[in-house]
Amino acid sequence: MRVKSSPKFINPKDYILSVLSPEDRLDAALKIAKEAFKNSKPTITEIDNAVRMVRRKTCVKKK
């Protein structure tokens, strides 16, 4: 007797990002950031922290 496994739920947002090229992902991230900060001005420190966080995540995935 074979046991059926339950189907895995795939988040559409994750699928869409996985299909995009790295350049397109970056463009999408920048557009989202532009909309998020539309009504406020981020400080230099906030920008530096965000860049460090993204670079850390990128470097960890490559290793």
N, C-alpha and C. Protein backbone atom coordinates (compact mmCIF):
# COMPACT_ATOMS: atom_id res chain seq x y z
N MET A 1 0.84 -1.17 0.00
CA MET A 1 0.00 0.00 0.00
C MET A 1 0.89 1.24 0.00
N ARG A 2 0.61 2.16 -0.86
CA ARG A 2 1.40 3.37 -1.00
C ARG A 2 0.72 4.53 -0.29
N VAL A 3 1.48 5.25 0.50
CA VAL A 3 0.95 6.39 1.23
C VAL A 3 1.15 7.65 0.40
N LYS A 4 0.09 8.37 0.20
CA LYS A 4 0.19 9.62 -0.56
C LYS A 4 0.71 10.72 0.34
N SER A 5 1.66 11.47 -0.16
CA SER A 5 2.15 12.61 0.62
C SER A 5 1.26 13.81 0.33
N SER A 6 1.18 14.68 1.29
CA SER A 6 0.37 15.87 1.09
C SER A 6 1.12 16.83 0.17
N PRO A 7 0.41 17.55 -0.66
CA PRO A 7 1.08 18.48 -1.58
C PRO A 7 1.74 19.62 -0.80
N LYS A 8 2.89 20.03 -1.27
CA LYS A 8 3.59 21.15 -0.63
C LYS A 8 2.99 22.46 -1.10
N PHE A 9 2.84 23.38 -0.18
CA PHE A 9 2.34 24.70 -0.52
C PHE A 9 3.52 25.55 -0.97
N ILE A 10 3.41 26.13 -2.13
CA ILE A 10 4.45 27.01 -2.66
C ILE A 10 3.93 28.43 -2.62
N ASN A 11 4.68 29.27 -1.94
CA ASN A 11 4.31 30.67 -1.86
C ASN A 11 4.54 31.32 -3.24
N PRO A 12 3.52 31.89 -3.85
CA PRO A 12 3.69 32.49 -5.18
C PRO A 12 4.79 33.55 -5.24
N LYS A 13 4.97 34.29 -4.17
CA LYS A 13 6.01 35.32 -4.16
C LYS A 13 7.39 34.69 -4.27
N ASP A 14 7.62 33.58 -3.57
CA ASP A 14 8.90 32.90 -3.63
C ASP A 14 9.15 32.33 -5.02
N TYR A 15 8.11 31.79 -5.64
CA TYR A 15 8.25 31.22 -6.97
C TYR A 15 8.59 32.30 -7.98
N ILE A 16 7.90 33.41 -7.91
CA ILE A 16 8.14 34.50 -8.86
C ILE A 16 9.57 35.00 -8.74
N LEU A 17 10.07 35.17 -7.52
CA LEU A 17 11.43 35.64 -7.35
C LEU A 17 12.45 34.61 -7.82
N SER A 18 12.16 33.33 -7.67
CA SER A 18 13.13 32.31 -8.09
C SER A 18 13.24 32.24 -9.61
N VAL A 19 12.21 32.65 -10.33
CA VAL A 19 12.24 32.62 -11.78
C VAL A 19 13.04 33.79 -12.35
N LEU A 20 13.08 34.89 -11.62
CA LEU A 20 13.77 36.08 -12.11
C LEU A 20 15.28 35.92 -12.07
N SER A 21 15.95 36.63 -12.97
CA SER A 21 17.40 36.66 -12.95
C SER A 21 17.86 37.52 -11.78
N PRO A 22 19.11 37.39 -11.35
CA PRO A 22 19.60 38.22 -10.24
C PRO A 22 19.42 39.72 -10.50
N GLU A 23 19.62 40.14 -11.74
CA GLU A 23 19.47 41.56 -12.07
C GLU A 23 18.01 42.00 -11.93
N ASP A 24 17.10 41.14 -12.38
CA ASP A 24 15.68 41.47 -12.26
C ASP A 24 15.23 41.48 -10.81
N ARG A 25 15.80 40.58 -10.00
CA ARG A 25 15.48 40.56 -8.56
C ARG A 25 15.92 41.86 -7.91
N LEU A 26 17.12 42.32 -8.28
CA LEU A 26 17.63 43.58 -7.73
C LEU A 26 16.73 44.74 -8.13
N ASP A 27 16.33 44.77 -9.40
CA ASP A 27 15.44 45.83 -9.85
C ASP A 27 14.12 45.81 -9.09
N ALA A 28 13.58 44.62 -8.88
CA ALA A 28 12.32 44.50 -8.13
C ALA A 28 12.51 44.97 -6.69
N ALA A 29 13.62 44.59 -6.08
CA ALA A 29 13.88 45.00 -4.69
C ALA A 29 14.02 46.52 -4.60
N LEU A 30 14.68 47.12 -5.56
CA LEU A 30 14.83 48.58 -5.54
C LEU A 30 13.50 49.29 -5.74
N LYS A 31 12.63 48.76 -6.58
CA LYS A 31 11.31 49.35 -6.78
C LYS A 31 10.48 49.26 -5.51
N ILE A 32 10.57 48.11 -4.84
CA ILE A 32 9.83 47.94 -3.58
C ILE A 32 10.36 48.90 -2.53
N ALA A 33 11.69 49.03 -2.44
CA ALA A 33 12.28 49.95 -1.47
C ALA A 33 11.88 51.40 -1.77
N LYS A 34 11.84 51.74 -3.04
CA LYS A 34 11.45 53.10 -3.42
C LYS A 34 10.03 53.41 -2.95
N GLU A 35 9.12 52.45 -3.13
CA GLU A 35 7.74 52.64 -2.67
C GLU A 35 7.66 52.67 -1.15
N ALA A 36 8.46 51.83 -0.49
CA ALA A 36 8.42 51.77 0.97
C ALA A 36 8.88 53.07 1.61
N PHE A 37 9.86 53.72 1.00
CA PHE A 37 10.41 54.96 1.57
C PHE A 37 9.90 56.20 0.85
N LYS A 38 8.79 56.06 0.17
CA LYS A 38 8.24 57.17 -0.60
C LYS A 38 7.95 58.40 0.25
N ASN A 39 7.40 58.19 1.44
CA ASN A 39 7.00 59.31 2.29
C ASN A 39 7.97 59.59 3.42
N SER A 40 9.11 58.93 3.44
CA SER A 40 10.09 59.18 4.49
C SER A 40 11.50 59.15 3.91
N LYS A 41 12.40 59.73 4.61
CA LYS A 41 13.79 59.78 4.18
C LYS A 41 14.63 58.89 5.10
N PRO A 42 15.21 57.80 4.57
CA PRO A 42 16.07 56.95 5.41
C PRO A 42 17.38 57.67 5.70
N THR A 43 17.96 57.39 6.85
CA THR A 43 19.24 57.99 7.20
C THR A 43 20.36 57.18 6.57
N ILE A 44 21.54 57.76 6.54
CA ILE A 44 22.71 57.08 5.99
C ILE A 44 22.99 55.80 6.78
N THR A 45 22.82 55.84 8.08
CA THR A 45 23.05 54.66 8.93
C THR A 45 22.08 53.54 8.57
N GLU A 46 20.81 53.87 8.35
CA GLU A 46 19.83 52.86 7.97
C GLU A 46 20.18 52.24 6.62
N ILE A 47 20.63 53.05 5.70
CA ILE A 47 21.02 52.55 4.38
C ILE A 47 22.23 51.64 4.51
N ASP A 48 23.24 52.05 5.27
CA ASP A 48 24.44 51.23 5.47
C ASP A 48 24.08 49.89 6.11
N ASN A 49 23.22 49.90 7.11
CA ASN A 49 22.81 48.66 7.77
C ASN A 49 22.08 47.73 6.80
N ALA A 50 21.23 48.29 5.97
CA ALA A 50 20.49 47.48 5.00
C ALA A 50 21.44 46.87 3.97
N VAL A 51 22.41 47.64 3.51
CA VAL A 51 23.39 47.13 2.54
C VAL A 51 24.22 46.01 3.16
N ARG A 52 24.66 46.19 4.39
CA ARG A 52 25.43 45.14 5.07
C ARG A 52 24.62 43.86 5.21
N MET A 53 23.35 44.00 5.58
CA MET A 53 22.50 42.83 5.77
C MET A 53 22.33 42.07 4.45
N VAL A 54 22.09 42.79 3.36
CA VAL A 54 21.91 42.14 2.06
C VAL A 54 23.21 41.48 1.61
N ARG A 55 24.33 42.15 1.81
CA ARG A 55 25.62 41.56 1.41
C ARG A 55 25.92 40.31 2.22
N ARG A 56 25.62 40.32 3.52
CA ARG A 56 25.85 39.13 4.35
C ARG A 56 25.02 37.96 3.85
N LYS A 57 23.76 38.21 3.55
CA LYS A 57 22.89 37.15 3.07
C LYS A 57 23.38 36.61 1.72
N THR A 58 23.85 37.49 0.85
CA THR A 58 24.33 37.07 -0.46
C THR A 58 25.61 36.26 -0.32
N CYS A 59 26.52 36.70 0.52
CA CYS A 59 27.79 36.00 0.69
C CYS A 59 27.60 34.63 1.35
N VAL A 60 26.68 34.52 2.29
CA VAL A 60 26.44 33.25 2.96
C VAL A 60 25.86 32.23 1.98
N LYS A 61 24.99 32.66 1.09
CA LYS A 61 24.38 31.75 0.12
C LYS A 61 25.42 31.25 -0.88
N LYS A 62 26.41 32.07 -1.24
CA LYS A 62 27.41 31.68 -2.23
C LYS A 62 28.38 30.65 -1.70
N LYS A 63 28.65 30.66 -0.40
CA LYS A 63 29.64 29.76 0.16
C LYS A 63 29.14 28.39 0.23
